[in-house]
N, C-alpha and C. Protein backbone atom coordinates (compact mmCIF):
# COMPACT_ATOMS: atom_id res chain seq x y z
N MET A 1 11.49 -10.34 26.76
CA MET A 1 12.40 -10.96 27.69
C MET A 1 13.77 -10.30 27.61
N PHE A 2 14.38 -10.27 26.42
CA PHE A 2 15.68 -9.64 26.23
C PHE A 2 15.51 -8.39 25.38
N GLU A 3 14.74 -7.48 25.84
CA GLU A 3 14.44 -6.27 25.08
C GLU A 3 15.67 -5.38 25.04
N GLN A 4 16.03 -4.93 23.82
CA GLN A 4 17.20 -4.10 23.65
C GLN A 4 16.79 -2.80 22.99
N ASN A 5 17.23 -1.70 23.56
CA ASN A 5 16.96 -0.39 23.00
C ASN A 5 18.28 0.22 22.54
N HIS A 6 18.35 0.59 21.28
CA HIS A 6 19.56 1.19 20.75
C HIS A 6 19.57 2.69 21.07
N THR A 7 20.76 3.21 21.30
CA THR A 7 20.89 4.65 21.54
C THR A 7 20.72 5.38 20.21
N GLU A 8 20.44 6.66 20.27
CA GLU A 8 20.28 7.45 19.06
C GLU A 8 21.57 7.43 18.23
N GLU A 9 22.71 7.43 18.90
CA GLU A 9 24.01 7.38 18.20
C GLU A 9 24.14 6.08 17.43
N THR A 10 23.77 4.97 18.05
CA THR A 10 23.85 3.66 17.39
C THR A 10 22.89 3.60 16.21
N LYS A 11 21.68 4.14 16.38
CA LYS A 11 20.71 4.16 15.30
C LYS A 11 21.25 4.95 14.10
N THR A 12 21.91 6.07 14.36
CA THR A 12 22.49 6.89 13.30
C THR A 12 23.59 6.13 12.57
N ILE A 13 24.43 5.44 13.31
CA ILE A 13 25.52 4.65 12.72
C ILE A 13 24.94 3.54 11.83
N MET A 14 23.92 2.84 12.31
CA MET A 14 23.31 1.77 11.53
C MET A 14 22.65 2.32 10.28
N SER A 15 22.01 3.47 10.40
CA SER A 15 21.34 4.09 9.26
C SER A 15 22.35 4.51 8.20
N ASP A 16 23.43 5.14 8.63
CA ASP A 16 24.46 5.60 7.69
C ASP A 16 25.15 4.44 6.99
N ALA A 17 25.21 3.30 7.65
CA ALA A 17 25.88 2.13 7.08
C ALA A 17 25.12 1.56 5.88
N LYS A 18 23.85 1.93 5.71
CA LYS A 18 23.03 1.37 4.63
C LYS A 18 22.56 2.43 3.64
N LYS A 19 23.15 3.59 3.64
CA LYS A 19 22.72 4.66 2.74
C LYS A 19 23.51 4.66 1.44
N GLY A 20 22.82 5.08 0.38
CA GLY A 20 23.48 5.24 -0.92
C GLY A 20 24.00 3.95 -1.50
N GLU A 21 25.24 3.95 -1.97
CA GLU A 21 25.83 2.79 -2.62
C GLU A 21 26.04 1.62 -1.67
N LYS A 22 25.99 1.86 -0.37
CA LYS A 22 26.17 0.78 0.61
C LYS A 22 24.90 -0.04 0.78
N ASN A 23 23.79 0.48 0.28
CA ASN A 23 22.52 -0.23 0.40
C ASN A 23 22.53 -1.42 -0.55
N PRO A 24 22.15 -2.62 -0.06
CA PRO A 24 22.18 -3.80 -0.91
C PRO A 24 21.25 -3.71 -2.13
N MET A 25 20.23 -2.86 -2.08
CA MET A 25 19.30 -2.71 -3.20
C MET A 25 19.64 -1.52 -4.09
N TYR A 26 20.76 -0.85 -3.83
CA TYR A 26 21.15 0.33 -4.60
C TYR A 26 21.30 -0.02 -6.08
N ASN A 27 20.64 0.76 -6.92
CA ASN A 27 20.72 0.63 -8.37
C ASN A 27 20.16 -0.69 -8.91
N LYS A 28 19.37 -1.40 -8.15
CA LYS A 28 18.77 -2.64 -8.61
C LYS A 28 17.30 -2.37 -8.90
N PRO A 29 16.77 -2.99 -9.95
CA PRO A 29 15.34 -2.77 -10.25
C PRO A 29 14.46 -3.44 -9.20
N LYS A 30 13.27 -2.90 -9.02
CA LYS A 30 12.32 -3.51 -8.09
C LYS A 30 11.86 -4.84 -8.68
N PRO A 31 11.65 -5.83 -7.83
CA PRO A 31 11.17 -7.11 -8.33
C PRO A 31 9.78 -6.98 -8.94
N LYS A 32 9.48 -7.84 -9.90
CA LYS A 32 8.17 -7.83 -10.54
C LYS A 32 7.10 -8.05 -9.49
N GLY A 33 6.05 -7.27 -9.55
CA GLY A 33 4.94 -7.42 -8.61
C GLY A 33 5.19 -6.76 -7.27
N ALA A 34 6.25 -5.96 -7.15
CA ALA A 34 6.56 -5.31 -5.87
C ALA A 34 5.47 -4.32 -5.48
N VAL A 35 4.88 -3.68 -6.46
CA VAL A 35 3.78 -2.76 -6.19
C VAL A 35 2.53 -3.38 -6.80
N SER A 36 1.58 -3.68 -5.95
CA SER A 36 0.38 -4.33 -6.47
C SER A 36 -0.47 -3.33 -7.25
N PRO A 37 -0.98 -3.74 -8.40
CA PRO A 37 -1.82 -2.83 -9.18
C PRO A 37 -3.18 -2.65 -8.52
N SER A 38 -3.85 -1.55 -8.82
CA SER A 38 -5.17 -1.32 -8.26
C SER A 38 -6.16 -2.33 -8.84
N GLN A 39 -7.19 -2.56 -8.07
CA GLN A 39 -8.22 -3.50 -8.49
C GLN A 39 -9.42 -2.71 -8.99
N THR A 40 -9.82 -2.95 -10.22
CA THR A 40 -10.98 -2.26 -10.79
C THR A 40 -12.24 -2.78 -10.11
N ILE A 41 -13.11 -1.86 -9.74
CA ILE A 41 -14.35 -2.20 -9.03
C ILE A 41 -15.55 -1.74 -9.84
N GLU A 42 -16.51 -2.62 -10.03
CA GLU A 42 -17.76 -2.26 -10.68
C GLU A 42 -18.86 -2.27 -9.64
N VAL A 43 -19.62 -1.17 -9.58
CA VAL A 43 -20.71 -1.05 -8.61
C VAL A 43 -22.02 -0.95 -9.39
N PHE A 44 -22.96 -1.83 -9.05
CA PHE A 44 -24.25 -1.84 -9.74
C PHE A 44 -25.29 -1.14 -8.87
N ASP A 45 -25.96 -0.15 -9.42
CA ASP A 45 -27.01 0.59 -8.73
C ASP A 45 -28.35 0.00 -9.15
N GLN A 46 -29.03 -0.68 -8.23
CA GLN A 46 -30.29 -1.36 -8.55
C GLN A 46 -31.42 -0.38 -8.85
N GLU A 47 -31.39 0.78 -8.22
CA GLU A 47 -32.47 1.76 -8.43
C GLU A 47 -32.44 2.33 -9.85
N ASN A 48 -31.24 2.66 -10.35
CA ASN A 48 -31.10 3.25 -11.68
C ASN A 48 -30.74 2.23 -12.75
N ASN A 49 -30.46 1.00 -12.32
CA ASN A 49 -30.06 -0.06 -13.23
C ASN A 49 -28.80 0.33 -14.02
N GLN A 50 -27.82 0.94 -13.32
CA GLN A 50 -26.58 1.39 -13.95
C GLN A 50 -25.38 0.78 -13.23
N THR A 51 -24.32 0.60 -13.99
CA THR A 51 -23.06 0.11 -13.43
C THR A 51 -22.02 1.22 -13.53
N THR A 52 -21.34 1.47 -12.42
CA THR A 52 -20.27 2.47 -12.39
C THR A 52 -18.96 1.74 -12.12
N THR A 53 -17.92 2.08 -12.88
CA THR A 53 -16.62 1.45 -12.72
C THR A 53 -15.65 2.43 -12.05
N TYR A 54 -14.94 1.93 -11.05
CA TYR A 54 -13.93 2.72 -10.34
C TYR A 54 -12.58 2.06 -10.53
N ASP A 55 -11.52 2.86 -10.59
CA ASP A 55 -10.18 2.34 -10.84
C ASP A 55 -9.56 1.63 -9.64
N SER A 56 -10.07 1.90 -8.44
CA SER A 56 -9.51 1.27 -7.25
C SER A 56 -10.55 1.18 -6.15
N ILE A 57 -10.27 0.34 -5.17
CA ILE A 57 -11.16 0.21 -4.02
C ILE A 57 -11.21 1.55 -3.28
N HIS A 58 -10.07 2.20 -3.17
CA HIS A 58 -10.01 3.49 -2.48
C HIS A 58 -10.92 4.53 -3.16
N GLU A 59 -10.85 4.58 -4.47
CA GLU A 59 -11.67 5.54 -5.21
C GLU A 59 -13.16 5.22 -5.05
N ALA A 60 -13.52 3.95 -5.11
CA ALA A 60 -14.92 3.56 -4.95
C ALA A 60 -15.42 3.89 -3.55
N ALA A 61 -14.61 3.60 -2.55
CA ALA A 61 -15.01 3.89 -1.17
C ALA A 61 -15.21 5.38 -0.96
N ARG A 62 -14.32 6.17 -1.53
CA ARG A 62 -14.44 7.63 -1.40
C ARG A 62 -15.73 8.12 -2.07
N ALA A 63 -16.02 7.62 -3.27
CA ALA A 63 -17.20 8.06 -4.02
C ALA A 63 -18.50 7.63 -3.33
N LEU A 64 -18.47 6.44 -2.71
CA LEU A 64 -19.68 5.91 -2.07
C LEU A 64 -19.78 6.30 -0.60
N ASN A 65 -18.74 6.98 -0.10
CA ASN A 65 -18.68 7.44 1.28
C ASN A 65 -18.82 6.28 2.28
N ILE A 66 -18.04 5.21 2.02
CA ILE A 66 -17.99 4.06 2.93
C ILE A 66 -16.54 3.69 3.15
N LYS A 67 -16.29 2.80 4.12
CA LYS A 67 -14.93 2.36 4.41
C LYS A 67 -14.46 1.37 3.35
N GLN A 68 -13.15 1.39 3.09
CA GLN A 68 -12.56 0.46 2.11
C GLN A 68 -12.77 -0.98 2.53
N SER A 69 -12.73 -1.24 3.82
CA SER A 69 -12.87 -2.62 4.30
C SER A 69 -14.23 -3.20 3.95
N ARG A 70 -15.26 -2.36 3.87
CA ARG A 70 -16.59 -2.85 3.49
C ARG A 70 -16.56 -3.40 2.06
N ILE A 71 -15.81 -2.75 1.18
CA ILE A 71 -15.70 -3.22 -0.20
C ILE A 71 -14.81 -4.46 -0.26
N SER A 72 -13.70 -4.42 0.48
CA SER A 72 -12.76 -5.54 0.46
C SER A 72 -13.41 -6.83 0.93
N LEU A 73 -14.30 -6.75 1.89
CA LEU A 73 -14.98 -7.93 2.41
C LEU A 73 -15.91 -8.54 1.36
N ARG A 74 -16.43 -7.74 0.46
CA ARG A 74 -17.37 -8.20 -0.56
C ARG A 74 -16.67 -8.67 -1.83
N SER A 75 -15.41 -8.25 -2.02
CA SER A 75 -14.69 -8.57 -3.27
C SER A 75 -14.30 -10.02 -3.34
């Protein structure tokens, strides 16, 4: 309804206003849990009766040649 598009000059001014020491998060530690740790995945192979452990969903998906979402839905 009230869509506003900033000019490139305005975008540059706003960007410069938050760089370096002017940034409110400058020199502050990241909050605990800001980066989520990877989830360890165990895959059981019924044919060989073996369990393989992967350090992350991404790694397991790559090794099994499937999409990450397929693993996430089962977790």
